[in-house]
Amino acid sequence: MLTRNFDKLLKVLEIVLENEGCFLTSNYMITDTYIGKRSNIYRAAHTIKEMKEKMKDSEFFSDVSKSQKIFLKSYVDSYFLN
């Protein structure tokens, strides 16, 4: 979890976007040129174990844009399924 403090979250987003980064969650993807939102919000995981289980589910990738799907699959493959 990043933060629940809205001011801190906006500051982090500002830094990420100024450096041409990508802010990616299971429901949102924000870059300096793209904002994507899952059509049906996915319930957030509360533990690493729960997150890994959710990301193995094919439904996790079902209602996101093509760009989000590419980023999410890359992230999952790199960090969670090894």
PDB file of N, CA and C in Angstrom:
ATOM      1  N   MET A   1       0.842  -1.172   0.000  1.00  0.00           N
ATOM      2  CA  MET A   1       0.000   0.000   0.000  1.00  0.00           C
ATOM      3  C   MET A   1       0.889   1.236   0.000  1.00  0.00           C
ATOM      4  N   LEU A   2       0.547   2.162  -0.831  1.00  0.00           N
ATOM      5  CA  LEU A   2       1.323   3.398  -0.927  1.00  0.00           C
ATOM      6  C   LEU A   2       0.979   4.324   0.228  1.00  0.00           C
ATOM      7  N   THR A   3      -0.210   4.895   0.237  1.00  0.00           N
ATOM      8  CA  THR A   3      -0.665   5.766   1.316  1.00  0.00           C
ATOM      9  C   THR A   3      -2.147   6.029   1.167  1.00  0.00           C
ATOM     10  N   ARG A   4      -2.790   6.331   2.266  1.00  0.00           N
ATOM     11  CA  ARG A   4      -4.191   6.769   2.227  1.00  0.00           C
ATOM     12  C   ARG A   4      -4.277   8.287   2.317  1.00  0.00           C
ATOM     13  N   ASN A   5      -3.153   8.924   2.549  1.00  0.00           N
ATOM     14  CA  ASN A   5      -3.103  10.378   2.645  1.00  0.00           C
ATOM     15  C   ASN A   5      -3.127  10.952   1.231  1.00  0.00           C
ATOM     16  N   PHE A   6      -4.197  11.678   0.909  1.00  0.00           N
ATOM     17  CA  PHE A   6      -4.401  12.165  -0.452  1.00  0.00           C
ATOM     18  C   PHE A   6      -3.282  13.105  -0.911  1.00  0.00           C
ATOM     19  N   ASP A   7      -2.821  14.000  -0.031  1.00  0.00           N
ATOM     20  CA  ASP A   7      -1.743  14.927  -0.401  1.00  0.00           C
ATOM     21  C   ASP A   7      -0.454  14.180  -0.724  1.00  0.00           C
ATOM     22  N   LYS A   8      -0.119  13.167   0.073  1.00  0.00           N
ATOM     23  CA  LYS A   8       1.083  12.369  -0.183  1.00  0.00           C
ATOM     24  C   LYS A   8       0.944  11.602  -1.491  1.00  0.00           C
ATOM     25  N   LEU A   9      -0.252  11.059  -1.726  1.00  0.00           N
ATOM     26  CA  LEU A   9      -0.490  10.315  -2.965  1.00  0.00           C
ATOM     27  C   LEU A   9      -0.306  11.203  -4.189  1.00  0.00           C
ATOM     28  N   LEU A  10      -0.847  12.415  -4.136  1.00  0.00           N
ATOM     29  CA  LEU A  10      -0.682  13.336  -5.258  1.00  0.00           C
ATOM     30  C   LEU A  10       0.782  13.704  -5.470  1.00  0.00           C
ATOM     31  N   LYS A  11       1.534  13.863  -4.395  1.00  0.00           N
ATOM     32  CA  LYS A  11       2.964  14.184  -4.510  1.00  0.00           C
ATOM     33  C   LYS A  11       3.715  13.027  -5.185  1.00  0.00           C
ATOM     34  N   VAL A  12       3.420  11.802  -4.785  1.00  0.00           N
ATOM     35  CA  VAL A  12       4.060  10.634  -5.403  1.00  0.00           C
ATOM     36  C   VAL A  12       3.703  10.566  -6.885  1.00  0.00           C
ATOM     37  N   LEU A  13       2.427  10.767  -7.211  1.00  0.00           N
ATOM     38  CA  LEU A  13       2.001  10.757  -8.616  1.00  0.00           C
ATOM     39  C   LEU A  13       2.726  11.835  -9.416  1.00  0.00           C
ATOM     40  N   GLU A  14       2.860  13.008  -8.833  1.00  0.00           N
ATOM     41  CA  GLU A  14       3.565  14.095  -9.509  1.00  0.00           C
ATOM     42  C   GLU A  14       5.003  13.701  -9.829  1.00  0.00           C
ATOM     43  N   ILE A  15       5.687  13.115  -8.871  1.00  0.00           N
ATOM     44  CA  ILE A  15       7.086  12.702  -9.065  1.00  0.00           C
ATOM     45  C   ILE A  15       7.179  11.618 -10.134  1.00  0.00           C
ATOM     46  N   VAL A  16       6.294  10.618 -10.048  1.00  0.00           N
ATOM     47  CA  VAL A  16       6.304   9.514 -11.024  1.00  0.00           C
ATOM     48  C   VAL A  16       6.059  10.039 -12.439  1.00  0.00           C
ATOM     49  N   LEU A  17       5.050  10.883 -12.600  1.00  0.00           N
ATOM     50  CA  LEU A  17       4.693  11.366 -13.932  1.00  0.00           C
ATOM     51  C   LEU A  17       5.721  12.348 -14.495  1.00  0.00           C
ATOM     52  N   GLU A  18       6.326  13.156 -13.629  1.00  0.00           N
ATOM     53  CA  GLU A  18       7.379  14.069 -14.097  1.00  0.00           C
ATOM     54  C   GLU A  18       8.576  13.302 -14.647  1.00  0.00           C
ATOM     55  N   ASN A  19       8.774  12.095 -14.157  1.00  0.00           N
ATOM     56  CA  ASN A  19       9.910  11.280 -14.589  1.00  0.00           C
ATOM     57  C   ASN A  19       9.499  10.210 -15.598  1.00  0.00           C
ATOM     58  N   GLU A  20       8.347  10.438 -16.270  1.00  0.00           N
ATOM     59  CA  GLU A  20       7.835   9.550 -17.309  1.00  0.00           C
ATOM     60  C   GLU A  20       7.647   8.122 -16.827  1.00  0.00           C
ATOM     61  N   GLY A  21       7.262   7.991 -15.563  1.00  0.00           N
ATOM     62  CA  GLY A  21       7.007   6.680 -14.981  1.00  0.00           C
ATOM     63  C   GLY A  21       5.558   6.258 -15.174  1.00  0.00           C
ATOM     64  N   CYS A  22       5.219   5.139 -14.565  1.00  0.00           N
ATOM     65  CA  CYS A  22       3.880   4.582 -14.650  1.00  0.00           C
ATOM     66  C   CYS A  22       3.413   4.242 -13.240  1.00  0.00           C
ATOM     67  N   PHE A  23       2.231   4.701 -12.889  1.00  0.00           N
ATOM     68  CA  PHE A  23       1.605   4.361 -11.613  1.00  0.00           C
ATOM     69  C   PHE A  23       0.588   3.278 -11.917  1.00  0.00           C
ATOM     70  N   LEU A  24       0.810   2.075 -11.403  1.00  0.00           N
ATOM     71  CA  LEU A  24      -0.002   0.924 -11.769  1.00  0.00           C
ATOM     72  C   LEU A  24      -0.536   0.240 -10.519  1.00  0.00           C
ATOM     73  N   THR A  25      -1.853   0.071 -10.464  1.00  0.00           N
ATOM     74  CA  THR A  25      -2.486  -0.732  -9.422  1.00  0.00           C
ATOM     75  C   THR A  25      -3.342  -1.769 -10.122  1.00  0.00           C
ATOM     76  N   SER A  26      -3.998  -2.623  -9.360  1.00  0.00           N
ATOM     77  CA  SER A  26      -4.861  -3.622  -9.995  1.00  0.00           C
ATOM     78  C   SER A  26      -6.080  -2.984 -10.657  1.00  0.00           C
ATOM     79  N   ASN A  27      -6.408  -1.743 -10.311  1.00  0.00           N
ATOM     80  CA  ASN A  27      -7.572  -1.072 -10.881  1.00  0.00           C
ATOM     81  C   ASN A  27      -7.262   0.118 -11.782  1.00  0.00           C
ATOM     82  N   TYR A  28      -6.096   0.724 -11.635  1.00  0.00           N
ATOM     83  CA  TYR A  28      -5.769   1.944 -12.382  1.00  0.00           C
ATOM     84  C   TYR A  28      -4.375   1.865 -12.991  1.00  0.00           C
ATOM     85  N   MET A  29      -4.217   2.546 -14.124  1.00  0.00           N
ATOM     86  CA  MET A  29      -2.905   2.743 -14.726  1.00  0.00           C
ATOM     87  C   MET A  29      -2.828   4.197 -15.159  1.00  0.00           C
ATOM     88  N   ILE A  30      -1.819   4.911 -14.664  1.00  0.00           N
ATOM     89  CA  ILE A  30      -1.664   6.325 -14.984  1.00  0.00           C
ATOM     90  C   ILE A  30      -0.243   6.559 -15.472  1.00  0.00           C
ATOM     91  N   THR A  31      -0.125   7.114 -16.675  1.00  0.00           N
ATOM     92  CA  THR A  31       1.173   7.545 -17.193  1.00  0.00           C
ATOM     93  C   THR A  31       1.023   9.020 -17.565  1.00  0.00           C
ATOM     94  N   ASP A  32       2.089   9.602 -18.092  1.00  0.00           N
ATOM     95  CA  ASP A  32       1.987  11.006 -18.493  1.00  0.00           C
ATOM     96  C   ASP A  32       1.112  11.195 -19.733  1.00  0.00           C
ATOM     97  N   THR A  33       0.752  10.114 -20.427  1.00  0.00           N
ATOM     98  CA  THR A  33      -0.085  10.227 -21.628  1.00  0.00           C
ATOM     99  C   THR A  33      -1.336   9.347 -21.585  1.00  0.00           C
ATOM    100  N   TYR A  34      -1.548   8.589 -20.505  1.00  0.00           N
ATOM    101  CA  TYR A  34      -2.642   7.621 -20.485  1.00  0.00           C
ATOM    102  C   TYR A  34      -3.193   7.463 -19.072  1.00  0.00           C
ATOM    103  N   ILE A  35      -4.517   7.400 -18.977  1.00  0.00           N
ATOM    104  CA  ILE A  35      -5.180   7.062 -17.719  1.00  0.00           C
ATOM    105  C   ILE A  35      -6.175   5.960 -18.025  1.00  0.00           C
ATOM    106  N   GLY A  36      -6.036   4.837 -17.350  1.00  0.00           N
ATOM    107  CA  GLY A  36      -6.947   3.719 -17.555  1.00  0.00           C
ATOM    108  C   GLY A  36      -7.529   3.267 -16.236  1.00  0.00           C
ATOM    109  N   LYS A  37      -8.798   2.852 -16.270  1.00  0.00           N
ATOM    110  CA  LYS A  37      -9.484   2.362 -15.079  1.00  0.00           C
ATOM    111  C   LYS A  37     -10.206   1.075 -15.428  1.00  0.00           C
ATOM    112  N   ARG A  38     -10.094   0.109 -14.573  1.00  0.00           N
ATOM    113  CA  ARG A  38     -10.817  -1.158 -14.747  1.00  0.00           C
ATOM    114  C   ARG A  38     -12.316  -0.859 -14.766  1.00  0.00           C
ATOM    115  N   SER A  39     -13.061  -1.517 -15.640  1.00  0.00           N
ATOM    116  CA  SER A  39     -14.496  -1.235 -15.731  1.00  0.00           C
ATOM    117  C   SER A  39     -15.251  -1.695 -14.482  1.00  0.00           C
ATOM    118  N   ASN A  40     -14.847  -2.787 -13.890  1.00  0.00           N
ATOM    119  CA  ASN A  40     -15.409  -3.257 -12.622  1.00  0.00           C
ATOM    120  C   ASN A  40     -14.275  -3.281 -11.605  1.00  0.00           C
ATOM    121  N   ILE A  41     -14.368  -2.425 -10.600  1.00  0.00           N
ATOM    122  CA  ILE A  41     -13.279  -2.303  -9.629  1.00  0.00           C
ATOM    123  C   ILE A  41     -13.025  -3.638  -8.949  1.00  0.00           C
ATOM    124  N   TYR A  42     -11.756  -4.012  -8.908  1.00  0.00           N
ATOM    125  CA  TYR A  42     -11.302  -5.269  -8.326  1.00  0.00           C
ATOM    126  C   TYR A  42     -10.997  -5.038  -6.855  1.00  0.00           C
ATOM    127  N   ARG A  43     -11.495  -5.887  -5.986  1.00  0.00           N
ATOM    128  CA  ARG A  43     -11.248  -5.746  -4.550  1.00  0.00           C
ATOM    129  C   ARG A  43      -9.748  -5.845  -4.281  1.00  0.00           C
ATOM    130  N   ALA A  44      -9.246  -4.896  -3.530  1.00  0.00           N
ATOM    131  CA  ALA A  44      -7.811  -4.847  -3.245  1.00  0.00           C
ATOM    132  C   ALA A  44      -7.383  -6.008  -2.349  1.00  0.00           C
ATOM    133  N   ALA A  45      -6.201  -6.520  -2.604  1.00  0.00           N
ATOM    134  CA  ALA A  45      -5.612  -7.547  -1.747  1.00  0.00           C
ATOM    135  C   ALA A  45      -5.016  -6.874  -0.512  1.00  0.00           C
ATOM    136  N   HIS A  46      -5.002  -7.597   0.599  1.00  0.00           N
ATOM    137  CA  HIS A  46      -4.485  -7.029   1.838  1.00  0.00           C
ATOM    138  C   HIS A  46      -3.175  -7.665   2.288  1.00  0.00           C
ATOM    139  N   THR A  47      -2.784  -8.737   1.633  1.00  0.00           N
ATOM    140  CA  THR A  47      -1.509  -9.400   1.943  1.00  0.00           C
ATOM    141  C   THR A  47      -0.829  -9.788   0.639  1.00  0.00           C
ATOM    142  N   ILE A  48       0.460 -10.044   0.699  1.00  0.00           N
ATOM    143  CA  ILE A  48       1.203 -10.496  -0.487  1.00  0.00           C
ATOM    144  C   ILE A  48       0.643 -11.825  -0.986  1.00  0.00           C
ATOM    145  N   LYS A  49       0.334 -12.729  -0.065  1.00  0.00           N
ATOM    146  CA  LYS A  49      -0.210 -14.030  -0.449  1.00  0.00           C
ATOM    147  C   LYS A  49      -1.532 -13.870  -1.196  1.00  0.00           C
ATOM    148  N   GLU A  50      -2.411 -13.020  -0.672  1.00  0.00           N
ATOM    149  CA  GLU A  50      -3.695 -12.771  -1.326  1.00  0.00           C
ATOM    150  C   GLU A  50      -3.492 -12.132  -2.704  1.00  0.00           C
ATOM    151  N   MET A  51      -2.530 -11.237  -2.814  1.00  0.00           N
ATOM    152  CA  MET A  51      -2.242 -10.579  -4.087  1.00  0.00           C
ATOM    153  C   MET A  51      -1.778 -11.596  -5.127  1.00  0.00           C
ATOM    154  N   LYS A  52      -0.894 -12.494  -4.726  1.00  0.00           N
ATOM    155  CA  LYS A  52      -0.403 -13.515  -5.661  1.00  0.00           C
ATOM    156  C   LYS A  52      -1.541 -14.405  -6.143  1.00  0.00           C
ATOM    157  N   GLU A  53      -2.435 -14.781  -5.236  1.00  0.00           N
ATOM    158  CA  GLU A  53      -3.565 -15.634  -5.616  1.00  0.00           C
ATOM    159  C   GLU A  53      -4.496 -14.915  -6.592  1.00  0.00           C
ATOM    160  N   LYS A  54      -4.784 -13.641  -6.332  1.00  0.00           N
ATOM    161  CA  LYS A  54      -5.660 -12.877  -7.218  1.00  0.00           C
ATOM    162  C   LYS A  54      -5.054 -12.750  -8.614  1.00  0.00           C
ATOM    163  N   MET A  55      -3.755 -12.552  -8.689  1.00  0.00           N
ATOM    164  CA  MET A  55      -3.095 -12.335  -9.970  1.00  0.00           C
ATOM    165  C   MET A  55      -2.980 -13.605 -10.795  1.00  0.00           C
ATOM    166  N   LYS A  56      -3.148 -14.754 -10.182  1.00  0.00           N
ATOM    167  CA  LYS A  56      -3.142 -16.016 -10.920  1.00  0.00           C
ATOM    168  C   LYS A  56      -4.496 -16.276 -11.583  1.00  0.00           C
ATOM    169  N   ASP A  57      -5.527 -15.587 -11.107  1.00  0.00           N
ATOM    170  CA  ASP A  57      -6.888 -15.760 -11.611  1.00  0.00           C
ATOM    171  C   ASP A  57      -7.041 -15.058 -12.959  1.00  0.00           C
ATOM    172  N   SER A  58      -7.544 -15.771 -13.965  1.00  0.00           N
ATOM    173  CA  SER A  58      -7.699 -15.171 -15.300  1.00  0.00           C
ATOM    174  C   SER A  58      -8.676 -14.000 -15.281  1.00  0.00           C
ATOM    175  N   GLU A  59      -9.596 -13.980 -14.329  1.00  0.00           N
ATOM    176  CA  GLU A  59     -10.550 -12.878 -14.212  1.00  0.00           C
ATOM    177  C   GLU A  59      -9.842 -11.556 -13.909  1.00  0.00           C
ATOM    178  N   PHE A  60      -8.674 -11.639 -13.298  1.00  0.00           N
ATOM    179  CA  PHE A  60      -7.908 -10.447 -12.951  1.00  0.00           C
ATOM    180  C   PHE A  60      -7.599  -9.606 -14.186  1.00  0.00           C
ATOM    181  N   PHE A  61      -7.427 -10.247 -15.327  1.00  0.00           N
ATOM    182  CA  PHE A  61      -7.064  -9.559 -16.560  1.00  0.00           C
ATOM    183  C   PHE A  61      -8.256  -9.342 -17.495  1.00  0.00           C
ATOM    184  N   SER A  62      -9.465  -9.662 -17.051  1.00  0.00           N
ATOM    185  CA  SER A  62     -10.606  -9.710 -17.974  1.00  0.00           C
ATOM    186  C   SER A  62     -11.182  -8.358 -18.374  1.00  0.00           C
ATOM    187  N   ASP A  63     -11.227  -7.388 -17.487  1.00  0.00           N
ATOM    188  CA  ASP A  63     -11.922  -6.146 -17.843  1.00  0.00           C
ATOM    189  C   ASP A  63     -11.027  -4.914 -17.736  1.00  0.00           C
ATOM    190  N   VAL A  64      -9.832  -5.044 -18.276  1.00  0.00           N
ATOM    191  CA  VAL A  64      -8.908  -3.911 -18.327  1.00  0.00           C
ATOM    192  C   VAL A  64      -8.600  -3.615 -19.796  1.00  0.00           C
ATOM    193  N   SER A  65      -8.094  -2.421 -20.047  1.00  0.00           N
ATOM    194  CA  SER A  65      -7.738  -2.069 -21.420  1.00  0.00           C
ATOM    195  C   SER A  65      -6.533  -2.889 -21.880  1.00  0.00           C
ATOM    196  N   LYS A  66      -6.297  -2.883 -23.168  1.00  0.00           N
ATOM    197  CA  LYS A  66      -5.160  -3.623 -23.737  1.00  0.00           C
ATOM    198  C   LYS A  66      -3.842  -3.129 -23.137  1.00  0.00           C
ATOM    199  N   SER A  67      -3.697  -1.800 -22.993  1.00  0.00           N
ATOM    200  CA  SER A  67      -2.472  -1.239 -22.414  1.00  0.00           C
ATOM    201  C   SER A  67      -2.287  -1.694 -20.979  1.00  0.00           C
ATOM    202  N   GLN A  68      -3.365  -1.636 -20.183  1.00  0.00           N
ATOM    203  CA  GLN A  68      -3.278  -2.076 -18.793  1.00  0.00           C
ATOM    204  C   GLN A  68      -2.927  -3.557 -18.714  1.00  0.00           C
ATOM    205  N   LYS A  69      -3.531  -4.352 -19.581  1.00  0.00           N
ATOM    206  CA  LYS A  69      -3.283  -5.786 -19.563  1.00  0.00           C
ATOM    207  C   LYS A  69      -1.807  -6.087 -19.827  1.00  0.00           C
ATOM    208  N   ILE A  70      -1.220  -5.392 -20.780  1.00  0.00           N
ATOM    209  CA  ILE A  70       0.203  -5.593 -21.101  1.00  0.00           C
ATOM    210  C   ILE A  70       1.071  -5.255 -19.896  1.00  0.00           C
ATOM    211  N   PHE A  71       0.822  -4.089 -19.280  1.00  0.00           N
ATOM    212  CA  PHE A  71       1.606  -3.684 -18.115  1.00  0.00           C
ATOM    213  C   PHE A  71       1.393  -4.631 -16.942  1.00  0.00           C
ATOM    214  N   LEU A  72       0.128  -4.983 -16.654  1.00  0.00           N
ATOM    215  CA  LEU A  72      -0.161  -5.866 -15.527  1.00  0.00           C
ATOM    216  C   LEU A  72       0.478  -7.242 -15.716  1.00  0.00           C
ATOM    217  N   LYS A  73       0.356  -7.807 -16.914  1.00  0.00           N
ATOM    218  CA  LYS A  73       0.948  -9.131 -17.162  1.00  0.00           C
ATOM    219  C   LYS A  73       2.460  -9.084 -17.016  1.00  0.00           C
ATOM    220  N   SER A  74       3.067  -8.020 -17.523  1.00  0.00           N
ATOM    221  CA  SER A  74       4.512  -7.873 -17.395  1.00  0.00           C
ATOM    222  C   SER A  74       4.918  -7.790 -15.925  1.00  0.00           C
ATOM    223  N   TYR A  75       4.156  -7.017 -15.154  1.00  0.00           N
ATOM    224  CA  TYR A  75       4.452  -6.852 -13.724  1.00  0.00           C
ATOM    225  C   TYR A  75       4.272  -8.164 -12.985  1.00  0.00           C
ATOM    226  N   VAL A  76       3.172  -8.845 -13.235  1.00  0.00           N
ATOM    227  CA  VAL A  76       2.899 -10.117 -12.577  1.00  0.00           C
ATOM    228  C   VAL A  76       3.974 -11.138 -12.907  1.00  0.00           C
ATOM    229  N   ASP A  77       4.303 -11.246 -14.177  1.00  0.00           N
ATOM    230  CA  ASP A  77       5.322 -12.215 -14.604  1.00  0.00           C
ATOM    231  C   ASP A  77       6.679 -11.901 -13.978  1.00  0.00           C
ATOM    232  N   SER A  78       7.018 -10.630 -13.857  1.00  0.00           N
ATOM    233  CA  SER A  78       8.328 -10.243 -13.337  1.00  0.00           C
ATOM    234  C   SER A  78       8.465 -10.386 -11.824  1.00  0.00           C
ATOM    235  N   TYR A  79       7.391 -10.073 -11.101  1.00  0.00           N
ATOM    236  CA  TYR A  79       7.526  -9.963  -9.654  1.00  0.00           C
ATOM    237  C   TYR A  79       6.792 -10.992  -8.825  1.00  0.00           C
ATOM    238  N   PHE A  80       5.796 -11.666  -9.385  1.00  0.00           N
ATOM    239  CA  PHE A  80       4.981 -12.517  -8.540  1.00  0.00           C
ATOM    240  C   PHE A  80       4.949 -13.982  -8.909  1.00  0.00           C
ATOM    241  N   LEU A  81       5.176 -14.319 -10.149  1.00  0.00           N
ATOM    242  CA  LEU A  81       5.006 -15.705 -10.548  1.00  0.00           C
ATOM    243  C   LEU A  81       6.320 -16.428 -10.786  1.00  0.00           C
ATOM    244  N   ASN A  82       7.406 -15.831 -10.380  1.00  0.00           N
ATOM    245  CA  ASN A  82       8.715 -16.488 -10.542  1.00  0.00           C
ATOM    246  C   ASN A  82       8.967 -17.466  -9.424  1.00  0.00           C
TER     247      ASN A  82
END
